[in-house]
């Protein structure tokens, strides 16, 4: 999978740096959330109460008050997707999916709807998402990012969907989002690809790679939960991040410099280039020569005697 364009890379790095500069201290060192029992130990029930419990667990990892009122509203998707048709969930009466041969893809991901309800918030959840664990997790992770921005007074951006996903990655939800950015669903005539995010896999891969390197997390923890396409996006992005280690250093020490665009993006280096570049960057400083020990009076006397004997012998020669 190809990397995003240089302009897109600069935009992603700058936006990510801006969020970390503004909220990194409050977030601290977030965990990398994985779709495993380690983080989601509750048995999931696909009813309203089960989804509400899943959302509560999801939000418990965000920098939000545990007392924040957040409700759910189940809505029919705008495109008429019902998840029916052939019984697989991969085809539907929608004009965007069919039971014909080949592969179809959602034209655009649905917008995220998190509403300010005065004393709390309401998250609109598309009914078909409830029946698919990866889609549901990605949608609720996006909601977590949106709520973080709303609570910070930054929820009215023109590109709120993108801002919410950047915030979610910075809060540890990157694997859930990347997984949901490219979801296969087999149908009676082929494969349908569903995208539950606004950002594409390649873009989310870059953000996730920045996150794991900035927080010193082993990439294998993320990679082990990804499918073929999303894993490729992550690996491609990780190679690029490892070729631009100054970006990681800036995220750790001066993210505001990234927010102001004070950086450059370089190409992906070869494996050997990344390896030797890392060794060079981590090379220890040269060892200073040890100071000469001052000789004692007795040592000086013996040296003078030895020198005199040598000179006497040479003179006789």
Protein backbone atom coordinates (compact mmCIF):
# COMPACT_ATOMS: atom_id res chain seq x y z
CA UNK A 1 0.00 0.00 0.00
CA UNK A 2 1.30 3.45 -0.92
CA UNK A 3 1.85 6.22 1.57
CA UNK A 4 -0.35 9.32 1.42
CA UNK A 5 1.03 12.25 -0.57
CA UNK A 6 3.64 14.51 1.02
CA UNK A 7 1.04 17.24 1.50
CA UNK A 8 -1.27 14.80 3.28
CA UNK A 9 1.60 13.54 5.44
CA UNK A 10 2.45 17.10 6.47
CA UNK A 11 -1.20 17.80 7.26
CA UNK A 12 -1.57 14.66 9.38
CA UNK A 13 1.66 15.26 11.30
CA UNK A 14 0.78 18.90 11.91
CA UNK A 15 -2.75 18.12 13.13
CA UNK A 16 -1.53 15.30 15.33
CA UNK A 17 1.19 17.51 16.79
CA UNK A 18 -1.33 20.28 17.46
CA UNK A 19 -3.59 17.92 19.41
CA UNK A 20 -0.69 16.53 21.46
CA UNK A 21 0.61 20.04 22.16
CA UNK A 22 -2.80 21.14 23.42
CA UNK A 23 -3.86 18.03 25.33
CA UNK A 24 -0.86 15.74 25.75
CA UNK A 25 -0.31 16.71 29.38
CA UNK A 26 -3.93 15.92 30.26
CA UNK A 27 -3.88 12.61 28.38
CA UNK A 28 -0.56 11.41 29.79
CA UNK A 29 0.60 8.06 28.42
CA UNK A 30 -2.50 6.31 27.08
CA UNK A 31 -2.68 2.58 26.58
CA UNK A 32 -2.92 1.14 23.08
CA UNK A 33 -6.42 -0.31 23.14
CA UNK A 34 -6.80 -3.70 21.51
CA UNK A 35 -9.99 -5.65 20.68
CA UNK A 36 -9.16 -8.29 23.28
CA UNK A 37 -10.35 -9.40 26.67
CA UNK A 38 -7.53 -7.42 28.24
CA UNK A 39 -9.42 -4.20 27.53
CA UNK A 40 -12.95 -5.44 26.88
CA UNK A 41 -13.57 -8.30 29.32
CA UNK A 42 -17.36 -7.99 29.40
CA UNK A 43 -19.52 -10.43 27.48
CA UNK A 44 -21.09 -8.49 24.64
CA UNK A 45 -24.82 -8.70 24.07
CA UNK A 46 -26.09 -7.18 20.86
CA UNK A 47 -29.04 -5.40 22.41
CA UNK A 48 -29.40 -1.79 23.51
CA UNK A 49 -28.11 -2.47 27.02
CA UNK A 50 -25.14 -4.44 25.67
CA UNK A 51 -24.14 -1.65 23.28
CA UNK A 52 -24.51 0.93 26.06
CA UNK A 53 -22.22 -1.15 28.29
CA UNK A 54 -19.71 -1.44 25.44
CA UNK A 55 -19.76 2.34 24.98
CA UNK A 56 -19.25 2.88 28.71
CA UNK A 57 -16.25 0.57 28.69
CA UNK A 58 -14.88 2.30 25.57
CA UNK A 59 -15.18 5.75 27.14
CA UNK A 60 -13.52 4.60 30.36
CA UNK A 61 -10.18 4.72 28.52
CA UNK A 62 -10.68 8.30 27.31
CA UNK A 63 -9.64 11.40 29.28
CA UNK A 64 -13.28 12.05 30.22
CA UNK A 65 -15.13 12.25 33.49
CA UNK A 66 -16.67 8.94 34.53
CA UNK A 67 -19.78 10.93 35.46
CA UNK A 68 -20.25 12.41 31.98
CA UNK A 69 -23.79 11.51 30.78
CA UNK A 70 -23.63 9.90 27.34
CA UNK A 71 -26.64 8.25 25.72
CA UNK A 72 -27.21 6.27 22.53
CA UNK A 73 -29.74 6.68 19.77
CA UNK A 74 -30.10 3.94 17.16
CA UNK A 75 -30.78 5.28 13.67
CA UNK A 76 -31.35 3.88 10.21
CA UNK A 77 -28.44 4.66 7.84
CA UNK A 78 -29.00 7.40 5.30
CA UNK A 79 -28.12 5.15 2.35
CA UNK A 80 -30.78 2.62 3.28
CA UNK A 81 -28.31 -0.10 4.20
CA UNK A 82 -30.04 -2.78 6.16
CA UNK A 83 -27.48 -5.52 6.26
CA UNK A 84 -29.98 -7.87 4.64
CA UNK A 85 -30.43 -9.19 1.14
CA UNK A 86 -28.58 -12.47 1.15
CA UNK A 87 -28.28 -12.94 4.88
CA UNK A 88 -24.54 -12.30 4.98
CA UNK A 89 -24.69 -8.59 5.66
CA UNK A 90 -22.59 -7.95 2.56
CA UNK A 91 -25.41 -6.98 0.26
CA UNK A 92 -28.51 -4.89 0.71
CA UNK A 93 -31.22 -3.03 -1.21
CA UNK A 94 -28.92 0.01 -1.27
CA UNK A 95 -27.67 1.17 -4.65
CA UNK A 96 -24.15 1.07 -3.17
CA UNK A 97 -24.17 -2.68 -2.68
CA UNK A 98 -25.48 -5.51 -4.72
CA UNK A 99 -25.49 -9.25 -5.03
CA UNK A 100 -23.64 -9.10 -8.32
CA UNK A 101 -20.15 -10.54 -8.83
CA UNK A 102 -17.02 -8.65 -7.90
CA UNK A 103 -16.17 -6.27 -5.11
CA UNK A 104 -18.10 -3.17 -4.08
CA UNK A 105 -17.07 -0.44 -1.70
CA UNK A 106 -18.96 2.18 0.25
CA UNK A 107 -18.55 5.46 -1.62
CA UNK A 108 -18.16 7.56 1.53
CA UNK A 109 -18.12 6.72 5.23
CA UNK A 110 -21.10 7.96 7.16
CA UNK A 111 -20.66 11.13 9.16
CA UNK A 112 -20.23 10.93 12.89
CA UNK A 113 -23.12 12.33 14.90
CA UNK A 114 -22.49 13.21 18.54
CA UNK A 115 -25.00 15.73 19.84
CA UNK A 116 -24.72 18.09 22.78
CA UNK A 117 -27.84 17.41 24.83
CA UNK A 118 -27.29 20.17 27.37
CA UNK A 119 -26.26 18.23 30.45
CA UNK A 120 -24.68 15.42 28.43
CA UNK A 121 -24.33 13.99 24.96
CA UNK A 122 -26.12 11.60 22.61
CA UNK A 123 -24.30 9.38 20.14
CA UNK A 124 -26.18 8.36 16.99
CA UNK A 125 -25.37 4.76 16.12
CA UNK A 126 -26.26 3.23 12.76
CA UNK A 127 -28.21 0.01 13.28
CA UNK A 128 -26.11 -2.15 10.86
CA UNK A 129 -22.97 -1.31 12.85
CA UNK A 130 -24.38 -3.10 15.89
CA UNK A 131 -24.18 -6.44 14.11
CA UNK A 132 -20.47 -6.19 13.26
CA UNK A 133 -17.93 -6.01 16.08
CA UNK A 134 -15.18 -4.24 14.11
CA UNK A 135 -17.53 -1.63 12.71
CA UNK A 136 -19.12 -1.08 16.11
CA UNK A 137 -15.77 -0.68 17.86
CA UNK A 138 -14.53 1.78 15.23
CA UNK A 139 -17.70 3.86 15.42
CA UNK A 140 -17.61 4.06 19.21
CA UNK A 141 -13.88 4.87 19.12
CA UNK A 142 -14.68 7.78 16.80
CA UNK A 143 -17.36 8.86 19.25
CA UNK A 144 -14.79 8.83 22.05
CA UNK A 145 -12.56 11.17 20.05
CA UNK A 146 -15.50 13.46 19.32
CA UNK A 147 -16.46 13.62 23.00
CA UNK A 148 -12.89 14.49 23.99
CA UNK A 149 -12.97 17.43 21.58
CA UNK A 150 -16.43 18.54 22.66
CA UNK A 151 -15.42 18.54 26.31
CA UNK A 152 -12.33 20.56 25.36
CA UNK A 153 -14.49 23.10 23.53
CA UNK A 154 -13.13 22.10 20.13
CA UNK A 155 -16.02 20.16 18.67
CA UNK A 156 -17.20 22.70 16.11
CA UNK A 157 -14.46 22.30 13.50
CA UNK A 158 -15.51 22.14 9.86
CA UNK A 159 -13.81 18.75 9.57
CA UNK A 160 -14.98 17.45 12.93
CA UNK A 161 -14.94 13.84 11.69
CA UNK A 162 -11.23 14.01 10.84
CA UNK A 163 -10.43 15.90 14.05
CA UNK A 164 -12.29 13.26 16.08
CA UNK A 165 -10.29 10.43 14.54
CA UNK A 166 -6.97 12.20 15.13
CA UNK A 167 -7.98 12.77 18.76
CA UNK A 168 -9.04 9.13 19.10
CA UNK A 169 -5.69 7.85 17.82
CA UNK A 170 -3.84 10.12 20.25
CA UNK A 171 -5.98 8.70 23.08
CA UNK A 172 -5.08 5.10 22.21
CA UNK A 173 -7.90 4.02 19.87
CA UNK A 174 -5.75 3.75 16.73
CA UNK A 175 -5.96 -0.02 16.25
CA UNK A 176 -9.75 0.04 16.53
CA UNK A 177 -9.98 2.83 13.96
CA UNK A 178 -7.52 1.33 11.51
CA UNK A 179 -9.30 -2.02 11.72
CA UNK A 180 -12.60 -0.33 10.94
CA UNK A 181 -11.23 1.62 8.00
CA UNK A 182 -11.23 -1.45 5.74
CA UNK A 183 -13.70 -4.19 6.62
CA UNK A 184 -14.33 -7.15 4.32
CA UNK A 185 -17.77 -8.70 4.22
CA UNK A 186 -18.36 -11.71 1.99
CA UNK A 187 -21.58 -11.72 0.02
CA UNK A 188 -23.36 -14.06 -2.35
CA UNK A 189 -21.65 -12.57 -5.41
CA UNK A 190 -18.35 -11.27 -4.11
CA UNK A 191 -16.86 -9.07 -1.44
CA UNK A 192 -18.00 -5.76 -0.09
CA UNK A 193 -15.54 -3.42 1.61
CA UNK A 194 -16.93 -1.18 4.30
CA UNK A 195 -15.16 1.90 5.64
CA UNK A 196 -16.28 2.99 9.10
CA UNK A 197 -13.89 5.93 9.25
CA UNK A 198 -13.37 9.20 7.43
CA UNK A 199 -9.60 8.80 7.19
CA UNK A 200 -8.33 6.10 4.84
CA UNK A 201 -6.25 3.10 6.00
CA UNK A 202 -3.00 4.68 4.79
CA UNK A 203 -3.72 7.86 6.75
CA UNK A 204 -4.70 6.08 9.94
CA UNK A 205 -1.65 3.85 9.55
CA UNK A 206 0.58 6.94 9.71
CA UNK A 207 -1.13 8.23 12.85
CA UNK A 208 -0.94 4.84 14.55
CA UNK A 209 2.75 4.47 13.65
CA UNK A 210 3.48 7.88 15.16
CA UNK A 211 1.57 6.89 18.30
CA UNK A 212 3.40 3.61 18.93
CA UNK A 213 6.84 5.11 18.31
CA UNK A 214 6.17 8.21 20.41
CA UNK A 215 5.00 6.07 23.35
CA UNK A 216 7.57 3.31 22.98
CA UNK A 217 4.99 0.59 22.28
CA UNK A 218 6.06 -2.53 20.44
CA UNK A 219 4.55 -2.44 16.93
CA UNK A 220 3.73 -6.14 17.15
CA UNK A 221 0.96 -5.40 19.65
CA UNK A 222 -0.85 -3.39 17.00
CA UNK A 223 0.13 -5.56 14.05
CA UNK A 224 -1.21 -8.71 15.67
CA UNK A 225 -4.76 -7.34 15.66
CA UNK A 226 -4.84 -6.12 12.05
CA UNK A 227 -5.98 -7.86 8.88
CA UNK A 228 -4.01 -8.06 5.64
CA UNK A 229 -4.83 -4.64 4.15
CA UNK A 230 -4.71 -2.67 7.38
CA UNK A 231 -1.53 -4.47 8.45
CA UNK A 232 0.08 -3.47 5.15
CA UNK A 233 -0.99 0.14 5.72
CA UNK A 234 0.55 0.09 9.20
CA UNK A 235 3.82 -1.52 8.10
CA UNK A 236 4.23 0.95 5.24
CA UNK A 237 3.60 3.85 7.60
CA UNK A 238 5.92 2.46 10.27
CA UNK A 239 8.80 2.22 7.78
CA UNK A 240 8.21 5.86 6.89
CA UNK A 241 8.06 6.98 10.53
CA UNK A 242 11.27 5.06 11.25
CA UNK A 243 12.86 6.97 8.37
CA UNK A 244 11.79 10.30 9.91
CA UNK A 245 12.73 9.83 13.55
CA UNK A 246 12.95 13.59 14.10
CA UNK A 247 9.15 13.68 13.91
CA UNK A 248 8.88 11.22 16.79
CA UNK A 249 11.41 13.21 18.81
CA UNK A 250 9.40 16.38 18.20
CA UNK A 251 6.18 14.66 19.30
CA UNK A 252 7.88 13.70 22.55
CA UNK A 253 9.56 17.01 23.34
CA UNK A 254 8.12 19.86 21.27
CA UNK A 255 4.85 18.91 19.54
CA UNK A 256 4.05 22.60 19.08
CA UNK A 257 6.82 22.74 16.47
CA UNK A 258 4.90 20.18 14.43
CA UNK A 259 1.70 22.16 14.89
CA UNK A 260 3.45 25.21 13.42
CA UNK A 261 4.78 23.23 10.46
CA UNK A 262 8.43 23.47 11.53
CA UNK A 263 9.43 20.13 10.07
CA UNK A 264 10.15 18.37 6.83
CA UNK A 265 9.04 14.96 5.62
CA UNK A 266 11.56 12.71 3.96
CA UNK A 267 11.12 9.54 1.91
CA UNK A 268 11.11 6.05 3.32
CA UNK A 269 14.65 4.75 3.65
CA UNK A 270 15.73 1.19 2.97
CA UNK A 271 15.93 -1.22 5.87
CA UNK A 272 19.72 -0.83 6.06
CA UNK A 273 19.38 2.93 5.82
CA UNK A 274 16.97 2.96 8.77
CA UNK A 275 19.17 0.55 10.73
CA UNK A 276 22.43 2.44 10.28
CA UNK A 277 20.71 5.79 10.67
CA UNK A 278 19.39 4.63 14.03
CA UNK A 279 22.80 3.34 15.12
CA UNK A 280 24.37 6.66 14.13
CA UNK A 281 21.77 8.61 16.07
CA UNK A 282 22.29 6.42 19.11
CA UNK A 283 26.12 6.31 18.91
CA UNK A 284 27.72 7.07 22.28
CA UNK A 285 29.82 10.25 22.63
CA UNK A 286 33.60 9.86 22.26
CA UNK A 287 35.38 8.90 25.46
CA UNK A 288 37.66 11.66 26.75
CA UNK A 289 41.28 10.74 27.42
CA UNK A 290 42.01 10.09 31.06
CA UNK A 291 44.11 12.83 32.70
CA UNK A 292 47.82 11.96 33.17
CA UNK A 293 48.74 11.01 36.72
CA UNK A 294 51.27 13.30 38.34
CA UNK A 295 54.57 11.51 39.08
CA UNK A 296 55.93 11.32 42.57
CA UNK A 297 59.33 12.81 43.51
CA UNK A 298 60.86 9.34 43.70
CA UNK A 299 59.58 8.48 40.18
CA UNK A 300 61.01 11.73 38.82
CA UNK A 301 64.43 10.94 40.43
CA UNK A 302 64.54 7.48 38.86
CA UNK A 303 63.62 8.86 35.43
CA UNK A 304 66.44 11.44 35.66
CA UNK A 305 68.93 8.75 36.64
CA UNK A 306 67.83 6.51 33.77
CA UNK A 307 68.05 9.36 31.28
CA UNK A 308 71.55 10.24 32.52
CA UNK A 309 72.73 6.65 32.11
CA UNK A 310 71.34 6.51 28.55
CA UNK A 311 72.99 9.78 27.61
CA UNK A 312 76.30 8.64 29.14
CA UNK A 313 76.17 5.38 27.20
CA UNK A 314 75.39 7.16 23.93
CA UNK A 315 78.19 9.62 24.55
CA UNK A 316 80.70 6.82 24.98
CA UNK A 317 79.55 5.25 21.75
